[in-house]
Amino acid sequence: MLSRSRFLSRVFALTLGLSAALAIAQAPAKPRVVILATGGTIAGAGATATNSATYQAAKVPVDKLIAGVPELADVAQVRGEQVFQIASESFTNDKLVTLAKRVSALTKDANVDGIVITHGTDTLEETSFFLNLVVHSDKPVVVVGSMRPGTSMSADGMLNLYNAVVVAGSAQSRGKGVLVTMNDEIHSGRDVGKRINIKTNAFSSQWGPLGMVVEGQTYWFRLPAKRHTLNSEFDIDSIEALPDVQIVYGSGNMSLELYDAVQRSGAKAIVHAGTGNGSVAGYAVDKLKALRSQGLQVIRSSRVGDGFVIRNSEQPDDKYDWVVGHDLNPQKAKILAAVALTKTNDSKELQRIFWSY
């Protein structure tokens, strides 16, 4: 027979074991995050550790990206899919649609809590805005890239990816639209833009970041004001292709042949990336008026990094039946115009959409 002390010891040990098992059973499950890889610098490789600006993009597959950041397992259950393996300047409308449809499908999967998209930085702002417009879900969708390849000294991709998974796995990220995490900051996919081409703080928003990620914790400071995701009238599940929209960059002594070339290409709209307040040179006004009368939508945007285009200032937009791009830069105005044209070709409706999104 067991002595009383040994019996009590065994009971105590069993109690501890049951308590530990119960604690494990009650511990919250780690969020399930899918990483969709598309290539870019974050998947790039340079010849030496000193090559931070000279390298080949889109070389490292998604499984190696994940394996290179073992700390991801501490914050989420992660799996990867290789959607594309390209430099982001090679993104096309077809690729945008393909990617968005895959994101949409994953958001409908009950076994997926959040999605991360690794992306080249050159067109990251366009893809994130497109997804913000057409993915109908409140689940976190986070787009991330890096300014230096993983082979470089002080490479930023590992921490950016870790932060992106943290944000995608956080319940606090739900309902905030498509997000971009770069350089410890959390930005709205609508607002963010690439402002510098060789520094790790390349991405910023003129209205400021939504929050930050510090040592695996998210901190939020503001919310998006414009319509997005679940509140959007656009849905990728009903979009099969995007109409063509082109940008003409405004400058002094412009050639009007640029506008004619856009018309000949079959584009449905032209974004005039004007100087200042989306200004149009006096000698170009009649050309744009003629293009509008022939059915081409004319959208005045600005080549200036910040600010917004004021309607009926510089040009009588009401009189000419033109649209203004509000605070969207030319490349984002192009994205919104293409999405909007899948639903309407009415200029007044297009202007409403530009005010709303």
Protein backbone atom coordinates (compact mmCIF):
# COMPACT_ATOMS: atom_id res chain seq x y z
CA MET A 1 0.00 0.00 0.00
CA LEU A 2 1.04 3.55 -0.68
CA SER A 3 1.94 5.71 2.22
CA ARG A 4 -0.21 8.78 2.74
CA SER A 5 2.59 11.12 1.62
CA ARG A 6 3.26 9.16 -1.58
CA PHE A 7 -0.45 8.99 -2.32
CA LEU A 8 -0.80 12.76 -1.89
CA SER A 9 2.25 13.29 -4.11
CA ARG A 10 0.69 11.24 -6.89
CA VAL A 11 -2.62 13.06 -6.56
CA PHE A 12 -0.78 16.38 -6.73
CA ALA A 13 1.15 15.27 -9.82
CA LEU A 14 -2.04 14.11 -11.54
CA THR A 15 -3.72 17.39 -10.68
CA LEU A 16 -0.83 19.34 -12.17
CA GLY A 17 -0.93 17.19 -15.31
CA LEU A 18 -4.67 17.68 -15.73
CA SER A 19 -4.33 21.43 -15.17
CA ALA A 20 -1.59 21.66 -17.80
CA ALA A 21 -3.63 19.63 -20.28
CA LEU A 22 -6.68 21.80 -19.63
CA ALA A 23 -4.64 24.98 -20.10
CA ILE A 24 -3.34 23.69 -23.44
CA ALA A 25 -6.85 22.74 -24.54
CA GLN A 26 -8.19 26.18 -23.60
CA ALA A 27 -5.32 28.13 -25.16
CA PRO A 28 -6.47 30.12 -28.21
CA ALA A 29 -5.51 28.51 -31.51
CA LYS A 30 -3.01 30.40 -33.60
CA PRO A 31 -4.56 32.23 -36.53
CA ARG A 32 -4.39 30.48 -39.89
CA VAL A 33 -2.68 32.66 -42.48
CA VAL A 34 -2.10 31.91 -46.16
CA ILE A 35 0.83 33.61 -47.90
CA LEU A 36 0.26 34.18 -51.61
CA ALA A 37 3.59 34.85 -53.30
CA THR A 38 3.84 36.84 -56.52
CA GLY A 39 7.58 37.52 -56.72
CA GLY A 40 9.26 40.91 -56.42
CA THR A 41 12.28 42.06 -54.45
CA ILE A 42 11.16 40.24 -51.32
CA ALA A 43 11.82 37.08 -53.36
CA GLY A 44 14.97 38.52 -54.94
CA ALA A 45 18.64 37.63 -54.73
CA GLY A 46 21.80 39.62 -55.32
CA ALA A 47 25.28 38.44 -56.25
CA THR A 48 26.78 39.59 -52.93
CA ALA A 49 25.64 40.87 -49.55
CA THR A 50 26.47 44.43 -50.64
CA ASN A 51 24.03 44.34 -53.57
CA SER A 52 21.02 46.15 -52.13
CA ALA A 53 19.92 47.88 -55.34
CA THR A 54 21.35 45.56 -58.00
CA TYR A 55 19.80 42.11 -57.94
CA GLN A 56 17.36 39.76 -59.65
CA ALA A 57 13.77 39.94 -58.45
CA ALA A 58 11.43 36.96 -58.17
CA LYS A 59 13.97 34.19 -57.58
CA VAL A 60 13.07 32.68 -54.18
CA PRO A 61 9.96 30.44 -54.00
CA VAL A 62 7.36 30.92 -51.28
CA ASP A 63 8.39 27.82 -49.28
CA LYS A 64 11.90 29.20 -48.89
CA LEU A 65 10.55 32.61 -47.94
CA ILE A 66 8.53 31.03 -45.14
CA ALA A 67 11.41 28.79 -44.04
CA GLY A 68 13.64 31.87 -43.85
CA VAL A 69 11.48 33.35 -41.10
CA PRO A 70 10.99 30.51 -38.58
CA GLU A 71 9.49 33.00 -36.10
CA LEU A 72 6.32 32.96 -38.21
CA ALA A 73 5.38 29.70 -36.48
CA ASP A 74 5.26 31.58 -33.17
CA VAL A 75 2.44 33.86 -34.33
CA ALA A 76 0.40 31.86 -36.87
CA GLN A 77 -0.21 28.62 -38.68
CA VAL A 78 1.24 29.54 -42.05
CA ARG A 79 1.10 27.94 -45.47
CA GLY A 80 2.14 29.33 -48.82
CA GLU A 81 1.02 29.35 -52.44
CA GLN A 82 3.03 30.53 -55.42
CA VAL A 83 0.58 32.52 -57.56
CA PHE A 84 3.17 34.25 -59.79
CA GLN A 85 6.94 34.67 -59.80
CA ILE A 86 7.45 38.02 -61.50
CA ALA A 87 8.78 41.51 -60.93
CA SER A 88 5.76 43.67 -60.16
CA GLU A 89 6.24 46.04 -63.09
CA SER A 90 5.14 43.04 -65.19
CA PHE A 91 1.72 42.87 -63.53
CA THR A 92 -1.12 43.08 -66.06
CA ASN A 93 -4.86 43.49 -65.68
CA ASP A 94 -5.27 39.75 -66.22
CA LYS A 95 -2.88 39.02 -63.37
CA LEU A 96 -4.70 41.46 -61.09
CA VAL A 97 -7.97 39.65 -61.76
CA THR A 98 -6.39 36.21 -61.25
CA LEU A 99 -4.84 37.25 -57.94
CA ALA A 100 -8.02 38.92 -56.67
CA LYS A 101 -10.13 35.87 -57.48
CA ARG A 102 -7.75 33.67 -55.50
CA VAL A 103 -7.85 36.08 -52.57
CA SER A 104 -11.64 36.15 -52.72
CA ALA A 105 -11.82 32.35 -52.71
CA LEU A 106 -9.54 32.14 -49.67
CA THR A 107 -11.57 34.68 -47.72
CA LYS A 108 -14.57 32.35 -48.09
CA ASP A 109 -12.61 29.43 -46.57
CA ALA A 110 -13.55 28.92 -42.93
CA ASN A 111 -10.05 27.53 -42.31
CA VAL A 112 -8.38 30.81 -43.32
CA ASP A 113 -8.23 33.74 -40.89
CA GLY A 114 -6.04 36.09 -42.90
CA ILE A 115 -4.10 36.44 -46.14
CA VAL A 116 -0.67 37.90 -46.88
CA ILE A 117 0.43 38.74 -50.42
CA THR A 118 4.15 39.12 -51.08
CA HIS A 119 4.60 41.57 -53.94
CA GLY A 120 7.17 43.65 -55.76
CA THR A 121 7.17 47.25 -54.62
CA ASP A 122 6.94 48.94 -58.04
CA THR A 123 3.20 48.33 -58.44
CA LEU A 124 2.36 47.19 -54.92
CA GLU A 125 0.22 50.30 -54.36
CA GLU A 126 -1.89 49.54 -57.44
CA THR A 127 -2.52 45.91 -56.51
CA SER A 128 -3.39 46.78 -52.92
CA PHE A 129 -5.87 49.45 -54.05
CA PHE A 130 -7.42 47.08 -56.58
CA LEU A 131 -7.94 44.41 -53.91
CA ASN A 132 -9.32 47.07 -51.58
CA LEU A 133 -12.00 47.81 -54.19
CA VAL A 134 -13.05 44.31 -55.23
CA VAL A 135 -12.54 41.77 -52.42
CA HIS A 136 -15.75 41.39 -50.41
CA SER A 137 -14.55 40.29 -46.99
CA ASP A 138 -13.70 41.74 -43.60
CA LYS A 139 -10.89 39.21 -43.15
CA PRO A 140 -7.46 40.85 -43.06
CA VAL A 141 -5.70 40.99 -46.43
CA VAL A 142 -2.16 42.35 -46.14
CA VAL A 143 0.18 43.19 -49.02
CA VAL A 144 3.90 43.29 -48.26
CA GLY A 145 7.18 43.72 -50.08
CA SER A 146 10.75 44.73 -49.42
CA MET A 147 13.18 47.28 -50.75
CA ARG A 148 16.21 44.99 -50.45
CA PRO A 149 16.64 41.36 -51.47
CA GLY A 150 17.04 38.77 -48.72
CA THR A 151 20.70 38.29 -49.66
CA SER A 152 21.55 41.90 -48.82
CA MET A 153 23.00 43.25 -45.60
CA SER A 154 20.19 44.87 -43.56
CA ALA A 155 17.57 43.17 -45.71
CA ASP A 156 14.09 44.32 -44.72
CA GLY A 157 12.03 41.46 -46.15
CA MET A 158 12.15 39.11 -43.14
CA LEU A 159 10.77 41.64 -40.67
CA ASN A 160 8.27 43.00 -43.18
CA LEU A 161 6.94 39.49 -43.79
CA TYR A 162 6.81 38.71 -40.08
CA ASN A 163 4.89 41.94 -39.43
CA ALA A 164 2.51 41.20 -42.30
CA VAL A 165 1.64 37.80 -40.82
CA VAL A 166 1.13 39.40 -37.41
CA VAL A 167 -1.27 41.94 -38.92
CA ALA A 168 -3.09 39.33 -41.04
CA GLY A 169 -3.56 37.12 -37.98
CA SER A 170 -4.84 39.86 -35.71
CA ALA A 171 -8.57 40.14 -35.03
CA GLN A 172 -8.05 43.90 -34.70
CA SER A 173 -7.18 44.06 -38.41
CA ARG A 174 -10.62 42.90 -39.53
CA GLY A 175 -12.82 45.34 -41.39
CA LYS A 176 -10.08 47.90 -42.05
CA GLY A 177 -9.76 47.20 -45.76
CA VAL A 178 -6.73 45.86 -47.55
CA LEU A 179 -3.57 46.79 -45.65
CA VAL A 180 0.10 47.27 -46.51
CA THR A 181 2.86 46.65 -43.95
CA MET A 182 6.25 48.13 -44.72
CA ASN A 183 8.99 49.48 -42.46
CA ASP A 184 6.99 48.70 -39.26
CA GLU A 185 4.02 50.80 -40.44
CA ILE A 186 0.49 49.69 -41.32
CA HIS A 187 -1.01 51.62 -44.22
CA SER A 188 -4.31 51.61 -46.03
CA GLY A 189 -3.96 49.97 -49.43
CA ARG A 190 -5.94 52.89 -50.83
CA ASP A 191 -3.65 55.63 -49.56
CA VAL A 192 -0.16 54.18 -49.61
CA GLY A 193 2.36 54.93 -52.33
CA LYS A 194 5.98 54.26 -53.14
CA ARG A 195 7.77 57.59 -52.72
CA ILE A 196 11.46 56.56 -52.73
CA ASN A 197 13.17 53.91 -54.83
CA ILE A 198 16.28 53.02 -52.81
CA LYS A 199 15.40 53.38 -49.12
CA THR A 200 13.56 51.03 -46.78
CA ASN A 201 11.15 53.83 -45.77
CA ALA A 202 9.96 54.03 -49.37
CA PHE A 203 6.24 53.71 -48.63
CA SER A 204 4.08 56.38 -47.05
CA SER A 205 0.59 57.88 -47.19
CA GLN A 206 -0.14 61.58 -47.35
CA TRP A 207 -2.85 61.06 -44.72
CA GLY A 208 -0.53 59.00 -42.49
CA PRO A 209 -0.35 55.31 -41.52
CA LEU A 210 -3.23 53.54 -39.83
CA GLY A 211 -0.95 52.03 -37.23
CA MET A 212 2.32 50.29 -36.47
CA VAL A 213 3.69 46.85 -35.67
CA VAL A 214 6.22 46.68 -32.84
CA GLU A 215 7.71 43.39 -31.62
CA GLY A 216 4.75 41.34 -32.81
CA GLN A 217 2.03 43.67 -31.52
CA THR A 218 -0.28 45.87 -33.61
CA TYR A 219 -1.07 49.44 -32.58
CA TRP A 220 -3.88 51.31 -34.35
CA PHE A 221 -4.40 55.07 -34.55
CA ARG A 222 -6.94 55.82 -37.29
CA LEU A 223 -9.45 54.20 -39.64
CA PRO A 224 -10.00 54.49 -43.42
CA ALA A 225 -12.68 57.00 -44.39
CA LYS A 226 -13.41 55.82 -47.94
CA ARG A 227 -15.52 52.84 -49.04
CA HIS A 228 -13.72 49.53 -49.33
CA THR A 229 -14.05 45.71 -49.37
CA LEU A 230 -17.39 44.71 -47.81
CA ASN A 231 -18.84 48.20 -48.40
CA SER A 232 -17.69 48.34 -52.00
CA GLU A 233 -20.19 48.13 -54.86
CA PHE A 234 -17.60 46.18 -56.86
CA ASP A 235 -16.97 42.45 -56.46
CA ILE A 236 -14.20 40.47 -58.13
CA ASP A 237 -16.49 37.44 -58.31
CA SER A 238 -18.48 39.28 -61.01
CA ILE A 239 -15.48 40.75 -62.88
CA GLU A 240 -13.77 38.71 -65.60
CA ALA A 241 -11.72 41.42 -67.29
CA LEU A 242 -10.83 45.09 -66.87
CA PRO A 243 -11.26 47.71 -69.58
CA ASP A 244 -8.11 49.45 -70.73
CA VAL A 245 -7.25 52.81 -69.16
CA GLN A 246 -4.05 54.70 -69.97
CA ILE A 247 -2.11 57.58 -68.39
CA VAL A 248 -0.61 60.57 -70.21
CA TYR A 249 1.97 62.40 -68.13
CA GLY A 250 1.64 66.16 -68.16
CA SER A 251 4.66 68.39 -68.76
CA GLY A 252 5.69 71.51 -70.56
CA ASN A 253 5.70 71.42 -74.38
CA MET A 254 3.65 68.21 -74.61
CA SER A 255 3.01 66.36 -77.85
CA LEU A 256 -0.71 65.94 -78.51
CA GLU A 257 0.12 62.72 -80.35
CA LEU A 258 0.28 61.06 -76.95
CA TYR A 259 -3.46 61.50 -76.53
CA ASP A 260 -4.15 60.25 -80.05
CA ALA A 261 -2.08 57.14 -79.38
CA VAL A 262 -4.24 56.33 -76.35
CA GLN A 263 -7.38 56.65 -78.43
CA ARG A 264 -5.97 54.44 -81.19
CA SER A 265 -5.09 51.78 -78.61
CA GLY A 266 -8.76 51.27 -77.83
CA ALA A 267 -8.61 52.59 -74.26
CA LYS A 268 -11.91 53.51 -72.62
CA ALA A 269 -10.47 56.30 -70.48
CA ILE A 270 -7.45 58.52 -70.27
CA VAL A 271 -5.95 59.72 -67.00
CA HIS A 272 -4.30 63.09 -67.54
CA ALA A 273 -1.49 63.27 -64.96
CA GLY A 274 -1.44 67.02 -65.01
CA THR A 275 0.85 69.52 -63.39
CA GLY A 276 -0.27 71.16 -60.14
CA ASN A 277 -4.04 70.85 -59.76
CA GLY A 278 -4.27 68.43 -62.66
CA SER A 279 -3.74 71.34 -65.02
CA VAL A 280 -4.21 70.98 -68.77
CA ALA A 281 -2.12 73.11 -71.13
CA GLY A 282 -4.17 75.57 -73.17
CA TYR A 283 -3.09 73.96 -76.43
CA ALA A 284 -4.26 70.52 -75.19
CA VAL A 285 -7.77 71.49 -74.05
CA ASP A 286 -9.41 71.14 -77.46
CA LYS A 287 -7.77 67.75 -77.96
CA LEU A 288 -9.18 66.40 -74.67
CA LYS A 289 -12.58 67.92 -75.40
CA ALA A 290 -12.61 66.16 -78.76
CA LEU A 291 -11.64 62.83 -77.23
CA ARG A 292 -14.44 63.16 -74.68
CA SER A 293 -16.96 63.93 -77.41
CA GLN A 294 -15.89 60.69 -79.10
CA GLY A 295 -16.67 58.66 -75.98
CA LEU A 296 -13.31 58.52 -74.21
CA GLN A 297 -13.57 59.35 -70.49
CA VAL A 298 -11.15 62.10 -69.40
CA ILE A 299 -9.94 62.01 -65.80
CA ARG A 300 -7.84 64.84 -64.44
CA SER A 301 -5.27 63.67 -61.89
CA SER A 302 -2.05 65.27 -60.71
CA ARG A 303 1.58 64.31 -61.04
CA VAL A 304 2.22 66.06 -57.69
CA GLY A 305 2.81 63.57 -54.87
CA ASP A 306 0.32 65.00 -52.35
CA GLY A 307 -2.82 67.10 -52.30
CA PHE A 308 -5.96 66.59 -54.37
CA VAL A 309 -7.48 67.83 -57.60
CA ILE A 310 -10.28 70.35 -57.13
CA ARG A 311 -13.20 70.05 -59.51
CA ASN A 312 -13.88 73.07 -61.77
CA SER A 313 -10.61 74.66 -60.71
CA GLU A 314 -8.09 75.24 -63.53
CA GLN A 315 -10.61 73.73 -65.96
CA PRO A 316 -14.44 73.85 -66.15
CA ASP A 317 -14.96 70.11 -65.62
CA ASP A 318 -18.75 70.41 -65.55
CA LYS A 319 -18.76 72.14 -68.92
CA TYR A 320 -16.35 69.67 -70.54
CA ASP A 321 -17.89 66.59 -68.87
CA TRP A 322 -14.55 65.58 -67.37
CA VAL A 323 -13.91 63.68 -64.13
CA VAL A 324 -11.41 64.63 -61.43
CA GLY A 325 -9.36 61.99 -59.62
CA HIS A 326 -9.69 63.58 -56.16
CA ASP A 327 -6.61 62.67 -54.06
CA LEU A 328 -5.67 59.56 -56.05
CA ASN A 329 -2.35 59.64 -57.87
CA PRO A 330 -2.47 58.84 -61.60
CA GLN A 331 -1.74 55.12 -61.21
CA LYS A 332 -4.46 54.69 -58.59
CA ALA A 333 -6.87 56.79 -60.61
CA LYS A 334 -6.21 54.38 -63.46
CA ILE A 335 -7.11 51.40 -61.25
CA LEU A 336 -10.34 52.97 -59.98
CA ALA A 337 -11.37 54.06 -63.47
CA ALA A 338 -10.87 50.54 -64.83
CA VAL A 339 -12.91 49.01 -62.01
CA ALA A 340 -15.65 51.65 -62.27
CA LEU A 341 -15.93 51.18 -66.04
CA THR A 342 -16.95 47.56 -65.49
CA LYS A 343 -20.23 49.00 -64.17
CA THR A 344 -20.83 52.36 -65.84
CA ASN A 345 -19.67 54.68 -68.60
CA ASP A 346 -21.61 57.65 -67.26
CA SER A 347 -19.28 60.49 -66.29
CA LYS A 348 -21.46 61.67 -63.40
CA GLU A 349 -21.47 58.17 -61.95
CA LEU A 350 -17.72 57.96 -62.43
CA GLN A 351 -17.29 61.21 -60.51
CA ARG A 352 -19.46 59.89 -57.68
CA ILE A 353 -17.27 56.79 -57.53
CA PHE A 354 -14.11 58.89 -57.37
CA TRP A 355 -15.54 60.89 -54.45
CA SER A 356 -16.57 57.69 -52.65
CA TYR A 357 -13.48 55.49 -53.05
